[in-house]
Amino acid sequence: MDRLDNTVRPYAWGSVTALPELLGTEPTGEPQAEMWMGAHPGAPSRIDRGAGPVSLADVIAAAPEAELGDAAVRAFGARLPFLLKLLAAGSPLSLQVHPDRAQAEAGYADEERRGVPHDAPHRNYKDPHHKPELLCALTPFEGLCGFRHPAEAADLLAGLDVDALKPYVDILRAEPEADALCEVLTALLGTDRAALADSVDRAAAAAAQRGAEGGPHAPAYAAYAALAHHYPGDPGVLAAMLLHHVTLQPGEALFLGAGIPHAYLSGLGVELMANSDNVLRCGLTRKHIDVPELLRIVRFTPGDPGILRPEETDGEEVYDTPADEFRLSRYVLAPGAAPRALDARTPQVLLCTAGTVVARPATAEGAELPAMDGELRLAPGESAFVPAGEHVTVSGEGTLFRATVVA
C-alpha cells in the first residue's frame, strides 16, 4: 500500500478555490482543474518505497503481474486500465464525445499510418483505447449529457423566439428523431462561425431573459446563457441546447459511454475513466473540431441522461456501469464501526474526500495486523495505491472512494 503524490492540472476552466478548499491548502490564484491519481503517462502519480519518489507508471511497467494481478494484465495489458481524478470546474468544459473501442483502435491506426504527430492540434486519437467515464458529484454539479428528444429540443428553441432558429425547430419537429438531431448538429457545426455569431448572441440574450422569468426550463435557459457568456458567438452554444441540462446533488453520478455528447459546466466531483486521452470536440472551444469524424462517432439517440445513485452491499456503495476497466464505490465510515475489509483481487486506488480514513494492512481473512507498519491515514484529497493481492481494511470517520477494475 503506497501513499500517492499527485499532480494538479491547471487547465483554464478550473476552479480557483474548490480543490484548495478540499485539500486544505491556500489558493494560488490560478485555476486548479484536475488532480490525477493513477499511472497515466501524462501525469503519473508518484510513490516512495524507500528509495525516493518514483512514477507509479514505471513501478507497474517493471512488474505488472505483481502490481496489477494476472487477471487484470490478461484483460487489459500491462497498464493500470483506469484513471481517477478530482475534477473542479469553475467554467464550462468543451462539448465533446468519446469513441468506442473499435473506433479508437481504427482511428489511432489510421493516424499512425498517415504519420500524424501525437502532439498535432488536429490529431483526433491519442491512443487506441476507448474512454467511458463516470462523474460523481461532491458538490452540486451542473453538466450537459445526452440528446433531448427532438420535440423537446424544438420547444426549447422555439421558446427563445429567434427567427434564425426557426429552420432548426422545423427540422426537429418534422424528421425522424435520429435524422433530425444529426441534420441540426451537422448544420450548426458546418456553418461558418461568423455567420452564426449573431444568432448565437440573440439566442443567448433570449435564454438569459427566459432563465430570469422562471418556469420549467428556466435552469436550462440560464445554463445556456452562461455558456454564451464564456463562449460568445460559439455555435456550440446552440448545439448545447439539443442536450439535457443536468444538476447532480452530492453522491449522484453520470455515466458517459461512447458517442454521448456531454460537457461539464460547474462543480467539484470524483471522475473515474478508462485510461485514455481520446476526445472529439463539438464546440465551446477554440481547439480543433473534425466535423466529419465527430459526426461518425456521435450516437444520435435521444433519451434520459440516467442519473446514477449507488447501491449498497455490506457497507460498500457501488456505482454500477457497463465499463470493465473501472468500478467506483464509496464507503461512508462511522466512528467506532468495525473495520471494513477490501477485496484484494484487483489493483485499487483509494481516495478520501471527507474526514479521516485509516487504511491498514490485514490478513487474508480481513483481520488487521498487529504491527502498525504500513498504516496510512488519509485526509481529504489524499489517496493510496493498493497492489492486487494486498489485503487492507479501512476505518475511521469519513468518506472513502474506491477505484478498481471489474473482478
Protein backbone atom coordinates (compact mmCIF):
# COMPACT_ATOMS: atom_id res chain seq x y z
CA MET A 1 0.00 0.00 0.00
CA ASP A 2 1.51 3.29 -1.14
CA ARG A 3 0.60 6.89 -0.44
CA LEU A 4 0.22 8.76 -3.75
CA ASP A 5 1.81 12.06 -4.59
CA ASN A 6 -0.39 13.50 -7.32
CA THR A 7 -0.26 16.24 -9.94
CA VAL A 8 -2.81 19.04 -10.17
CA ARG A 9 -3.51 20.19 -13.73
CA PRO A 10 -4.05 23.97 -14.12
CA TYR A 11 -6.46 24.00 -17.09
CA ALA A 12 -8.07 27.38 -17.75
CA TRP A 13 -11.59 26.13 -16.94
CA GLY A 14 -10.60 25.00 -13.46
CA SER A 15 -11.89 26.48 -10.22
CA VAL A 16 -9.52 28.72 -8.27
CA THR A 17 -10.90 27.62 -4.88
CA ALA A 18 -12.64 24.21 -4.99
CA LEU A 19 -9.59 21.93 -4.85
CA PRO A 20 -7.72 24.08 -2.30
CA GLU A 21 -10.79 24.02 -0.05
CA LEU A 22 -10.94 20.21 -0.22
CA LEU A 23 -7.19 19.77 0.23
CA GLY A 24 -6.91 22.37 2.99
CA THR A 25 -4.34 24.41 1.08
CA GLU A 26 -4.08 28.07 0.17
CA PRO A 27 -5.35 29.01 -3.30
CA THR A 28 -2.60 30.00 -5.69
CA GLY A 29 -4.80 32.46 -7.56
CA GLU A 30 -4.58 30.23 -10.64
CA PRO A 31 -7.15 27.67 -11.84
CA GLN A 32 -6.76 24.18 -10.37
CA ALA A 33 -8.83 21.92 -12.60
CA GLU A 34 -7.95 18.26 -12.04
CA MET A 35 -5.89 16.12 -9.69
CA TRP A 36 -4.85 12.86 -11.35
CA MET A 37 -4.46 9.61 -9.39
CA GLY A 38 -3.05 6.65 -11.28
CA ALA A 39 -0.47 5.79 -13.89
CA HIS A 40 -1.45 7.84 -16.92
CA PRO A 41 1.76 8.77 -18.80
CA GLY A 42 0.67 12.41 -18.97
CA ALA A 43 0.88 12.90 -15.19
CA PRO A 44 1.52 9.66 -13.29
CA SER A 45 1.27 9.60 -9.52
CA ARG A 46 4.49 9.09 -7.59
CA ILE A 47 5.17 6.65 -4.76
CA ASP A 48 8.12 6.09 -2.43
CA ARG A 49 9.03 2.57 -1.30
CA GLY A 50 12.19 3.69 0.46
CA ALA A 51 14.45 4.65 -2.42
CA GLY A 52 12.89 8.02 -3.22
CA PRO A 53 9.87 9.09 -5.30
CA VAL A 54 9.25 7.13 -8.49
CA SER A 55 6.49 7.13 -11.09
CA LEU A 56 3.67 4.65 -10.44
CA ALA A 57 3.65 4.01 -14.20
CA ASP A 58 7.30 2.91 -14.04
CA VAL A 59 6.65 0.71 -11.00
CA ILE A 60 3.79 -1.05 -12.78
CA ALA A 61 5.78 -1.41 -16.02
CA ALA A 62 8.62 -3.10 -14.11
CA ALA A 63 6.38 -5.76 -12.54
CA PRO A 64 2.84 -5.64 -13.97
CA GLU A 65 1.66 -9.01 -12.66
CA ALA A 66 2.83 -8.21 -9.13
CA GLU A 67 1.18 -4.78 -9.08
CA LEU A 68 -1.98 -5.43 -11.12
CA GLY A 69 -2.56 -9.16 -10.76
CA ASP A 70 -2.60 -11.77 -13.51
CA ALA A 71 -6.32 -11.33 -14.28
CA ALA A 72 -6.05 -7.57 -14.88
CA VAL A 73 -2.94 -7.98 -17.05
CA ARG A 74 -4.67 -10.62 -19.16
CA ALA A 75 -7.74 -8.43 -19.59
CA PHE A 76 -6.17 -5.00 -20.08
CA GLY A 77 -2.45 -5.44 -20.65
CA ALA A 78 0.48 -4.28 -18.54
CA ARG A 79 -1.07 -0.92 -17.62
CA LEU A 80 -3.42 0.36 -14.96
CA PRO A 81 -6.63 0.46 -17.02
CA PHE A 82 -8.29 3.34 -15.19
CA LEU A 83 -7.55 6.92 -14.12
CA LEU A 84 -9.12 8.50 -11.06
CA LYS A 85 -9.46 12.29 -10.83
CA LEU A 86 -10.76 15.07 -8.69
CA LEU A 87 -12.37 17.47 -11.17
CA ALA A 88 -13.13 21.10 -10.24
CA ALA A 89 -14.97 23.02 -12.96
CA GLY A 90 -15.06 26.79 -12.49
CA SER A 91 -16.26 27.39 -16.04
CA PRO A 92 -17.66 25.09 -18.76
CA LEU A 93 -15.51 22.46 -20.43
CA SER A 94 -15.75 21.84 -24.17
CA LEU A 95 -18.70 19.95 -25.61
CA GLN A 96 -17.27 16.54 -26.51
CA VAL A 97 -17.72 12.83 -27.26
CA HIS A 98 -15.52 9.76 -26.88
CA PRO A 99 -15.12 6.88 -29.38
CA ASP A 100 -15.90 3.24 -28.66
CA ARG A 101 -13.11 0.66 -28.60
CA ALA A 102 -13.28 -0.31 -32.28
CA GLN A 103 -13.43 3.34 -33.39
CA ALA A 104 -10.44 4.24 -31.21
CA GLU A 105 -8.36 1.35 -32.49
CA ALA A 106 -9.18 2.13 -36.12
CA GLY A 107 -8.74 5.88 -35.75
CA TYR A 108 -5.42 5.55 -33.94
CA ALA A 109 -4.08 3.07 -36.50
CA ASP A 110 -5.13 5.36 -39.36
CA GLU A 111 -3.42 8.43 -37.89
CA GLU A 112 -0.31 6.41 -37.10
CA ARG A 113 -0.24 5.13 -40.68
CA ARG A 114 -0.58 8.69 -42.01
CA GLY A 115 2.16 9.92 -39.71
CA VAL A 116 0.07 12.50 -37.83
CA PRO A 117 2.27 13.72 -34.94
CA HIS A 118 0.90 12.84 -31.49
CA ASP A 119 1.09 16.48 -30.43
CA ALA A 120 -0.50 17.85 -33.60
CA PRO A 121 -3.50 20.07 -32.77
CA HIS A 122 -5.58 18.34 -35.45
CA ARG A 123 -4.87 14.82 -34.18
CA ASN A 124 -8.06 13.07 -33.00
CA TYR A 125 -6.78 9.83 -31.48
CA LYS A 126 -4.02 9.97 -28.87
CA ASP A 127 -4.15 6.22 -28.15
CA PRO A 128 -6.02 3.09 -29.29
CA HIS A 129 -8.33 2.93 -26.25
CA HIS A 130 -11.92 3.93 -25.60
CA LYS A 131 -12.80 6.34 -22.79
CA PRO A 132 -16.01 5.62 -20.91
CA GLU A 133 -16.18 7.77 -17.78
CA LEU A 134 -18.15 8.28 -14.58
CA LEU A 135 -18.57 11.59 -12.72
CA CYS A 136 -19.77 11.52 -9.11
CA ALA A 137 -20.67 14.88 -7.56
CA LEU A 138 -19.08 16.05 -4.31
CA THR A 139 -20.91 19.40 -4.51
CA PRO A 140 -23.94 20.39 -6.61
CA PHE A 141 -22.63 19.78 -10.11
CA GLU A 142 -24.01 21.05 -13.42
CA GLY A 143 -23.50 19.37 -16.77
CA LEU A 144 -24.91 18.61 -20.19
CA CYS A 145 -25.45 14.97 -21.04
CA GLY A 146 -27.08 13.22 -24.00
CA PHE A 147 -29.64 14.35 -26.54
CA ARG A 148 -33.08 15.56 -25.64
CA HIS A 149 -35.94 14.15 -27.67
CA PRO A 150 -36.16 16.40 -30.76
CA ALA A 151 -39.67 17.59 -29.91
CA GLU A 152 -38.47 18.80 -26.51
CA ALA A 153 -35.43 20.48 -28.06
CA ALA A 154 -37.71 22.13 -30.62
CA ASP A 155 -39.92 23.54 -27.86
CA LEU A 156 -36.86 24.86 -26.04
CA LEU A 157 -35.53 26.61 -29.16
CA ALA A 158 -38.95 27.89 -30.16
CA GLY A 159 -39.35 29.43 -26.72
CA LEU A 160 -36.46 31.78 -27.49
CA ASP A 161 -38.46 33.35 -30.35
CA VAL A 162 -35.37 33.94 -32.52
CA ASP A 163 -36.20 33.91 -36.24
CA ALA A 164 -32.87 32.41 -37.26
CA LEU A 165 -33.58 29.31 -35.15
CA LYS A 166 -36.94 28.51 -36.74
CA PRO A 167 -35.50 26.30 -39.53
CA TYR A 168 -33.89 24.12 -36.86
CA VAL A 169 -37.18 23.97 -34.97
CA ASP A 170 -38.96 22.81 -38.12
CA ILE A 171 -36.40 20.06 -38.74
CA LEU A 172 -36.62 18.84 -35.15
CA ARG A 173 -40.40 18.59 -35.41
CA ALA A 174 -40.62 17.05 -38.87
CA GLU A 175 -37.83 14.47 -39.22
CA PRO A 176 -37.37 11.06 -37.55
CA GLU A 177 -35.58 11.61 -34.25
CA ALA A 178 -32.05 10.44 -35.11
CA ASP A 179 -32.18 12.09 -38.54
CA ALA A 180 -33.40 15.37 -37.06
CA LEU A 181 -30.65 15.53 -34.44
CA CYS A 182 -27.99 14.65 -36.99
CA GLU A 183 -29.24 17.21 -39.52
CA VAL A 184 -29.37 20.06 -36.99
CA LEU A 185 -25.98 19.30 -35.43
CA THR A 186 -24.42 18.97 -38.89
CA ALA A 187 -25.88 22.32 -39.92
CA LEU A 188 -24.68 24.06 -36.76
CA LEU A 189 -21.13 22.72 -36.97
CA GLY A 190 -20.90 23.08 -40.75
CA THR A 191 -21.91 26.76 -40.85
CA ASP A 192 -19.23 29.42 -40.73
CA ARG A 193 -18.75 30.58 -37.14
CA ALA A 194 -19.02 34.27 -38.07
CA ALA A 195 -22.27 33.68 -39.92
CA LEU A 196 -23.83 32.14 -36.80
CA ALA A 197 -22.44 34.60 -34.28
CA ASP A 198 -25.42 36.96 -34.39
CA SER A 199 -27.88 34.06 -33.99
CA VAL A 200 -25.91 32.76 -31.02
CA ASP A 201 -25.90 36.20 -29.39
CA ARG A 202 -29.64 36.65 -29.92
CA ALA A 203 -30.37 33.17 -28.57
CA ALA A 204 -28.16 33.84 -25.55
CA ALA A 205 -29.91 37.11 -24.74
CA ALA A 206 -33.31 35.43 -25.01
CA ALA A 207 -32.12 32.50 -22.88
CA ALA A 208 -30.93 34.88 -20.17
CA GLN A 209 -34.34 36.54 -20.15
CA ARG A 210 -36.24 33.23 -20.06
CA GLY A 211 -33.99 32.00 -17.28
CA ALA A 212 -34.75 35.08 -15.19
CA GLU A 213 -38.51 34.75 -15.78
CA GLY A 214 -38.74 31.30 -14.20
CA GLY A 215 -40.68 28.30 -15.42
CA PRO A 216 -39.81 24.63 -16.00
CA HIS A 217 -36.96 25.36 -18.43
CA ALA A 218 -35.51 28.32 -16.51
CA PRO A 219 -32.43 26.46 -15.14
CA ALA A 220 -31.59 25.14 -18.61
CA TYR A 221 -32.04 28.56 -20.23
CA ALA A 222 -29.81 30.12 -17.56
CA ALA A 223 -27.15 27.49 -18.19
CA TYR A 224 -27.18 28.12 -21.94
CA ALA A 225 -26.92 31.88 -21.34
CA ALA A 226 -23.90 31.24 -19.10
CA LEU A 227 -22.30 29.16 -21.86
CA ALA A 228 -22.65 32.07 -24.25
CA HIS A 229 -21.04 34.36 -21.70
CA HIS A 230 -17.96 32.11 -21.61
CA TYR A 231 -18.01 31.31 -25.35
CA PRO A 232 -19.59 34.29 -27.17
CA GLY A 233 -20.61 33.53 -30.74
CA ASP A 234 -19.69 29.83 -30.45
CA PRO A 235 -22.05 27.53 -32.44
CA GLY A 236 -21.59 25.04 -29.60
CA VAL A 237 -23.98 27.17 -27.55
CA LEU A 238 -26.78 26.27 -29.96
CA ALA A 239 -25.63 22.65 -30.16
CA ALA A 240 -25.78 22.51 -26.36
CA MET A 241 -29.48 23.32 -26.50
CA LEU A 242 -30.04 19.89 -28.04
CA LEU A 243 -28.73 18.29 -24.84
CA HIS A 244 -30.15 17.62 -21.39
CA HIS A 245 -29.15 20.08 -18.69
CA VAL A 246 -28.45 18.09 -15.52
CA THR A 247 -27.78 19.14 -11.93
CA LEU A 248 -26.32 16.41 -9.72
CA GLN A 249 -26.59 16.51 -5.97
CA PRO A 250 -23.66 15.21 -3.88
CA GLY A 251 -23.44 11.44 -4.24
CA GLU A 252 -25.24 11.34 -7.58
CA ALA A 253 -23.35 10.40 -10.73
CA LEU A 254 -23.42 10.36 -14.52
CA PHE A 255 -22.01 7.63 -16.75
CA LEU A 256 -20.79 8.80 -20.18
CA GLY A 257 -20.48 5.98 -22.69
CA ALA A 258 -19.16 6.11 -26.24
CA GLY A 259 -20.74 8.63 -28.60
CA ILE A 260 -22.72 10.52 -25.94
CA PRO A 261 -22.21 14.30 -26.27
CA HIS A 262 -21.56 15.96 -22.94
CA ALA A 263 -19.93 18.88 -21.16
CA TYR A 264 -19.23 19.60 -17.50
CA LEU A 265 -20.27 23.13 -16.51
CA SER A 266 -19.53 23.71 -12.82
CA GLY A 267 -18.88 21.91 -9.55
CA LEU A 268 -16.50 19.52 -7.81
CA GLY A 269 -16.61 15.79 -8.40
CA VAL A 270 -14.77 12.48 -8.44
CA GLU A 271 -14.20 11.28 -12.01
CA LEU A 272 -13.21 7.73 -12.94
CA MET A 273 -12.47 6.78 -16.52
CA ALA A 274 -10.73 4.30 -18.74
CA ASN A 275 -7.07 5.27 -19.12
CA SER A 276 -7.32 7.16 -22.42
CA ASP A 277 -6.97 10.65 -23.90
CA ASN A 278 -9.37 10.26 -26.84
CA VAL A 279 -11.70 13.27 -27.15
CA LEU A 280 -13.56 14.64 -30.18
CA ARG A 281 -14.89 18.14 -29.60
CA CYS A 282 -18.25 19.50 -30.76
CA GLY A 283 -17.98 23.11 -29.63
CA LEU A 284 -17.37 25.52 -26.74
CA THR A 285 -13.71 25.52 -27.65
CA ARG A 286 -11.08 27.13 -29.84
CA LYS A 287 -9.45 23.74 -30.33
CA HIS A 288 -9.70 21.63 -33.47
CA ILE A 289 -13.12 20.24 -34.42
CA ASP A 290 -13.08 17.49 -37.05
CA VAL A 291 -16.73 17.66 -38.08
CA PRO A 292 -16.85 14.57 -40.39
CA GLU A 293 -15.11 12.37 -37.82
CA LEU A 294 -17.21 13.76 -35.00
CA LEU A 295 -20.46 13.03 -36.84
CA ARG A 296 -19.25 9.47 -37.40
CA ILE A 297 -18.68 8.99 -33.66
CA VAL A 298 -21.76 10.72 -32.20
CA ARG A 299 -24.70 8.49 -31.37
CA PHE A 300 -27.87 10.37 -32.31
CA THR A 301 -30.06 8.53 -29.83
CA PRO A 302 -32.24 10.67 -27.53
CA GLY A 303 -33.10 9.54 -24.06
CA ASP A 304 -32.90 10.11 -20.34
CA PRO A 305 -29.41 11.08 -19.12
CA GLY A 306 -29.69 8.42 -16.42
CA ILE A 307 -28.58 9.84 -13.07
CA LEU A 308 -26.90 7.09 -11.06
CA ARG A 309 -27.23 6.53 -7.34
CA PRO A 310 -25.12 3.94 -5.55
CA GLU A 311 -26.41 0.55 -4.49
CA GLU A 312 -25.20 -0.62 -1.07
CA THR A 313 -23.89 -4.10 -0.32
CA ASP A 314 -22.28 -4.76 3.09
CA GLY A 315 -21.45 -1.09 3.57
CA GLU A 316 -19.93 -0.61 0.11
CA GLU A 317 -21.95 1.74 -2.10
CA VAL A 318 -21.33 0.77 -5.74
CA TYR A 319 -21.95 2.87 -8.85
CA ASP A 320 -22.89 0.24 -11.40
CA THR A 321 -21.79 0.87 -15.01
CA PRO A 322 -21.16 -1.31 -18.09
CA ALA A 323 -17.43 -0.49 -18.08
CA ASP A 324 -14.94 -3.29 -17.37
CA GLU A 325 -11.89 -1.06 -16.98
CA PHE A 326 -13.17 0.57 -13.81
CA ARG A 327 -15.53 0.23 -10.88
CA LEU A 328 -16.26 3.07 -8.45
CA SER A 329 -17.60 2.60 -4.96
CA ARG A 330 -17.90 4.64 -1.80
CA TYR A 331 -17.62 3.94 1.92
CA VAL A 332 -19.15 6.31 4.46
CA LEU A 333 -17.29 5.30 7.63
CA ALA A 334 -18.65 5.92 11.11
CA PRO A 335 -16.53 6.23 14.27
CA GLY A 336 -16.43 3.04 16.30
CA ALA A 337 -17.69 0.86 13.45
CA ALA A 338 -15.86 -2.36 12.65
CA PRO A 339 -13.08 -2.01 10.06
CA ARG A 340 -14.15 -2.94 6.55
CA ALA A 341 -12.04 -5.37 4.57
CA LEU A 342 -11.47 -4.51 0.91
CA ASP A 343 -11.48 -7.11 -1.84
CA ALA A 344 -7.83 -7.78 -2.70
CA ARG A 345 -8.19 -9.45 -6.11
CA THR A 346 -7.62 -6.30 -8.14
CA PRO A 347 -5.45 -3.15 -8.02
CA GLN A 348 -7.09 -0.25 -6.18
CA VAL A 349 -6.79 3.50 -5.72
CA LEU A 350 -8.33 4.82 -2.52
CA LEU A 351 -9.33 8.48 -2.18
CA CYS A 352 -10.53 10.23 0.98
CA THR A 353 -12.94 13.12 0.35
CA ALA A 354 -14.10 13.90 3.91
CA GLY A 355 -12.97 13.28 7.47
CA THR A 356 -10.06 10.93 8.20
CA VAL A 357 -9.77 7.39 6.87
CA VAL A 358 -7.25 4.88 8.22
CA ALA A 359 -6.09 2.10 5.87
CA ARG A 360 -4.24 -0.80 7.49
CA PRO A 361 -2.64 -3.99 6.20
CA ALA A 362 -4.70 -7.06 7.03
CA THR A 363 -4.68 -10.83 6.80
CA ALA A 364 -6.46 -12.68 4.02
CA GLU A 365 -9.36 -13.19 6.44
CA GLY A 366 -9.72 -9.42 6.91
CA ALA A 367 -8.18 -9.20 10.40
CA GLU A 368 -5.97 -6.18 10.98
CA LEU A 369 -2.31 -6.98 11.54
CA PRO A 370 -0.98 -6.02 14.97
CA ALA A 371 2.04 -4.17 13.58
CA MET A 372 1.37 -0.58 12.57
CA ASP A 373 3.93 -0.61 9.77
CA GLY A 374 2.26 0.36 6.54
CA GLU A 375 -0.74 2.10 8.10
CA LEU A 376 -1.89 5.15 6.15
CA ARG A 377 -4.05 7.96 7.49
CA LEU A 378 -5.81 9.75 4.65
CA ALA A 379 -7.15 13.29 4.95
CA PRO A 380 -9.45 14.90 2.34
CA GLY A 381 -7.81 14.81 -1.08
CA GLU A 382 -5.19 12.21 -0.04
CA SER A 383 -5.01 8.87 -1.81
CA ALA A 384 -3.28 5.50 -1.87
CA PHE A 385 -2.47 2.74 -4.34
CA VAL A 386 -3.09 -0.84 -3.21
CA PRO A 387 -1.49 -3.52 -5.41
CA ALA A 388 -3.52 -6.59 -6.31
CA GLY A 389 -3.30 -9.28 -3.64
CA GLU A 390 -2.61 -6.87 -0.78
CA HIS A 391 -5.23 -7.16 1.95
CA VAL A 392 -6.37 -3.91 3.53
CA THR A 393 -9.00 -2.75 6.00
CA VAL A 394 -10.40 0.78 6.27
CA SER A 395 -11.88 2.53 9.29
CA GLY A 396 -12.26 5.97 10.80
CA GLU A 397 -14.79 8.74 10.34
CA GLY A 398 -15.06 9.98 6.80
CA THR A 399 -15.82 9.21 3.17
CA LEU A 400 -13.64 6.99 1.03
CA PHE A 401 -13.93 6.41 -2.72
CA ARG A 402 -12.50 3.16 -4.07
CA ALA A 403 -11.49 2.79 -7.72
CA THR A 404 -10.69 -0.63 -9.11
CA VAL A 405 -11.45 -2.88 -12.08
CA VAL A 406 -14.36 -5.24 -12.52
CA ALA A 407 -13.26 -8.50 -10.94
